[in-house]
């Protein structure tokens, strides 16, 4: 899925570069606004793609299901020693 989206982004950027070049060469009233729009999108599109990937990465890490090997290593609240038990174990060692 990531490769497909990456290729779509590459194709869009190449098309925007071509559109920028063509609109710079053509002399018509519409080409000036088309040129500025394509230059703007050439800058904005990669920034948006980067932002979407960053948000996706953060959300994926936050809401990803835990791996089974990590779940087995976690201690339940009953297994974690409380403050009273820690004091006793420290006194026994001394």
C-alpha atoms as a PDB file:
ATOM      1  CA  UNK A   1       0.000   0.000   0.000  1.00  0.00           C
ATOM      2  CA  UNK A   2       2.848   2.382   0.833  1.00  0.00           C
ATOM      3  CA  UNK A   3       4.518   1.728  -2.506  1.00  0.00           C
ATOM      4  CA  UNK A   4       1.318   2.456  -4.394  1.00  0.00           C
ATOM      5  CA  UNK A   5       0.838   5.748  -2.554  1.00  0.00           C
ATOM      6  CA  UNK A   6       4.482   6.649  -3.118  1.00  0.00           C
ATOM      7  CA  UNK A   7       4.136   6.033  -6.850  1.00  0.00           C
ATOM      8  CA  UNK A   8       0.954   8.114  -6.956  1.00  0.00           C
ATOM      9  CA  UNK A   9       2.833  10.950  -5.245  1.00  0.00           C
ATOM     10  CA  UNK A  10       5.733  10.679  -7.684  1.00  0.00           C
ATOM     11  CA  UNK A  11       3.392  10.690 -10.686  1.00  0.00           C
ATOM     12  CA  UNK A  12       1.512  13.719  -9.343  1.00  0.00           C
ATOM     13  CA  UNK A  13       4.751  15.626  -8.796  1.00  0.00           C
ATOM     14  CA  UNK A  14       6.027  14.804 -12.286  1.00  0.00           C
ATOM     15  CA  UNK A  15       2.713  15.937 -13.777  1.00  0.00           C
ATOM     16  CA  UNK A  16       2.892  19.147 -11.758  1.00  0.00           C
ATOM     17  CA  UNK A  17       6.439  19.804 -12.985  1.00  0.00           C
ATOM     18  CA  UNK A  18       5.315  19.259 -16.572  1.00  0.00           C
ATOM     19  CA  UNK A  19       2.291  21.492 -16.049  1.00  0.00           C
ATOM     20  CA  UNK A  20       4.554  24.187 -14.593  1.00  0.00           C
ATOM     21  CA  UNK A  21       6.898  23.951 -17.567  1.00  0.00           C
ATOM     22  CA  UNK A  22       4.091  23.994 -20.127  1.00  0.00           C
ATOM     23  CA  UNK A  23       2.285  26.883 -18.467  1.00  0.00           C
ATOM     24  CA  UNK A  24       5.535  28.871 -18.354  1.00  0.00           C
ATOM     25  CA  UNK A  25       6.076  28.357 -22.085  1.00  0.00           C
ATOM     26  CA  UNK A  26       2.505  29.040 -23.275  1.00  0.00           C
ATOM     27  CA  UNK A  27       1.553  32.686 -23.595  1.00  0.00           C
ATOM     28  CA  UNK A  28      -2.094  33.129 -22.665  1.00  0.00           C
ATOM     29  CA  UNK A  29      -3.981  34.935 -19.893  1.00  0.00           C
ATOM     30  CA  UNK A  30      -4.918  31.629 -18.297  1.00  0.00           C
ATOM     31  CA  UNK A  31      -1.345  30.299 -18.267  1.00  0.00           C
ATOM     32  CA  UNK A  32      -0.158  32.822 -15.658  1.00  0.00           C
ATOM     33  CA  UNK A  33      -2.696  31.698 -13.058  1.00  0.00           C
ATOM     34  CA  UNK A  34      -2.100  28.063 -14.024  1.00  0.00           C
ATOM     35  CA  UNK A  35       1.653  28.569 -13.564  1.00  0.00           C
ATOM     36  CA  UNK A  36       1.261  30.033 -10.075  1.00  0.00           C
ATOM     37  CA  UNK A  37      -1.191  27.304  -9.083  1.00  0.00           C
ATOM     38  CA  UNK A  38       1.136  24.543 -10.262  1.00  0.00           C
ATOM     39  CA  UNK A  39       4.170  26.088  -8.523  1.00  0.00           C
ATOM     40  CA  UNK A  40       2.151  26.385  -5.312  1.00  0.00           C
ATOM     41  CA  UNK A  41       0.976  22.792  -5.514  1.00  0.00           C
ATOM     42  CA  UNK A  42       4.523  21.636  -6.277  1.00  0.00           C
ATOM     43  CA  UNK A  43       5.483  23.018  -2.865  1.00  0.00           C
ATOM     44  CA  UNK A  44       2.296  22.175  -0.949  1.00  0.00           C
ATOM     45  CA  UNK A  45       1.827  18.572  -2.144  1.00  0.00           C
ATOM     46  CA  UNK A  46       5.110  17.178  -0.730  1.00  0.00           C
ATOM     47  CA  UNK A  47       4.485  19.014   2.553  1.00  0.00           C
ATOM     48  CA  UNK A  48       1.009  17.490   2.803  1.00  0.00           C
ATOM     49  CA  UNK A  49       2.323  14.012   2.001  1.00  0.00           C
ATOM     50  CA  UNK A  50       5.006  14.398   4.673  1.00  0.00           C
ATOM     51  CA  UNK A  51       2.435  15.599   7.206  1.00  0.00           C
ATOM     52  CA  UNK A  52       0.041  12.752   6.456  1.00  0.00           C
ATOM     53  CA  UNK A  53       2.834  10.193   6.802  1.00  0.00           C
ATOM     54  CA  UNK A  54       3.948  11.718  10.099  1.00  0.00           C
ATOM     55  CA  UNK A  55       0.419  11.721  11.520  1.00  0.00           C
ATOM     56  CA  UNK A  56      -0.120   8.152  10.287  1.00  0.00           C
ATOM     57  CA  UNK A  57       3.084   6.995  11.976  1.00  0.00           C
ATOM     58  CA  UNK A  58       2.179   8.641  15.293  1.00  0.00           C
ATOM     59  CA  UNK A  59      -1.377   7.310  15.269  1.00  0.00           C
ATOM     60  CA  UNK A  60      -0.247   3.840  14.219  1.00  0.00           C
ATOM     61  CA  UNK A  61       2.190   3.650  17.148  1.00  0.00           C
ATOM     62  CA  UNK A  62      -0.402   4.954  19.578  1.00  0.00           C
ATOM     63  CA  UNK A  63      -3.274   2.706  18.577  1.00  0.00           C
ATOM     64  CA  UNK A  64      -1.384  -0.358  17.359  1.00  0.00           C
ATOM     65  CA  UNK A  65      -2.347  -3.617  19.040  1.00  0.00           C
ATOM     66  CA  UNK A  66       0.291  -4.958  21.379  1.00  0.00           C
ATOM     67  CA  UNK A  67       2.438  -7.831  20.220  1.00  0.00           C
ATOM     68  CA  UNK A  68       1.858 -11.156  22.014  1.00  0.00           C
ATOM     69  CA  UNK A  69       5.450 -11.396  23.290  1.00  0.00           C
ATOM     70  CA  UNK A  70       5.159  -7.956  24.910  1.00  0.00           C
ATOM     71  CA  UNK A  71       1.842  -8.818  26.542  1.00  0.00           C
ATOM     72  CA  UNK A  72       3.305 -11.952  28.143  1.00  0.00           C
ATOM     73  CA  UNK A  73       6.133  -9.950  29.718  1.00  0.00           C
ATOM     74  CA  UNK A  74       3.889  -7.322  31.317  1.00  0.00           C
ATOM     75  CA  UNK A  75       3.194  -7.728  34.999  1.00  0.00           C
ATOM     76  CA  UNK A  76      -0.315  -7.562  36.329  1.00  0.00           C
ATOM     77  CA  UNK A  77      -1.024  -5.195  39.236  1.00  0.00           C
ATOM     78  CA  UNK A  78      -0.970  -8.168  41.614  1.00  0.00           C
ATOM     79  CA  UNK A  79       2.579  -9.085  40.542  1.00  0.00           C
ATOM     80  CA  UNK A  80       4.014  -5.580  40.982  1.00  0.00           C
ATOM     81  CA  UNK A  81       5.286  -5.145  44.561  1.00  0.00           C
ATOM     82  CA  UNK A  82       3.714  -2.281  46.472  1.00  0.00           C
ATOM     83  CA  UNK A  83       5.622   0.222  48.635  1.00  0.00           C
ATOM     84  CA  UNK A  84       5.185  -1.912  51.752  1.00  0.00           C
ATOM     85  CA  UNK A  85       6.705  -4.976  50.116  1.00  0.00           C
ATOM     86  CA  UNK A  86       9.651  -2.962  48.779  1.00  0.00           C
ATOM     87  CA  UNK A  87      10.517  -1.729  52.278  1.00  0.00           C
ATOM     88  CA  UNK A  88      10.524  -5.276  53.649  1.00  0.00           C
ATOM     89  CA  UNK A  89      12.771  -6.579  50.901  1.00  0.00           C
ATOM     90  CA  UNK A  90      15.233  -3.707  51.418  1.00  0.00           C
ATOM     91  CA  UNK A  91      15.367  -4.384  55.183  1.00  0.00           C
ATOM     92  CA  UNK A  92      15.904  -8.113  54.633  1.00  0.00           C
ATOM     93  CA  UNK A  93      18.942  -7.419  52.440  1.00  0.00           C
ATOM     94  CA  UNK A  94      20.638  -5.167  55.056  1.00  0.00           C
END
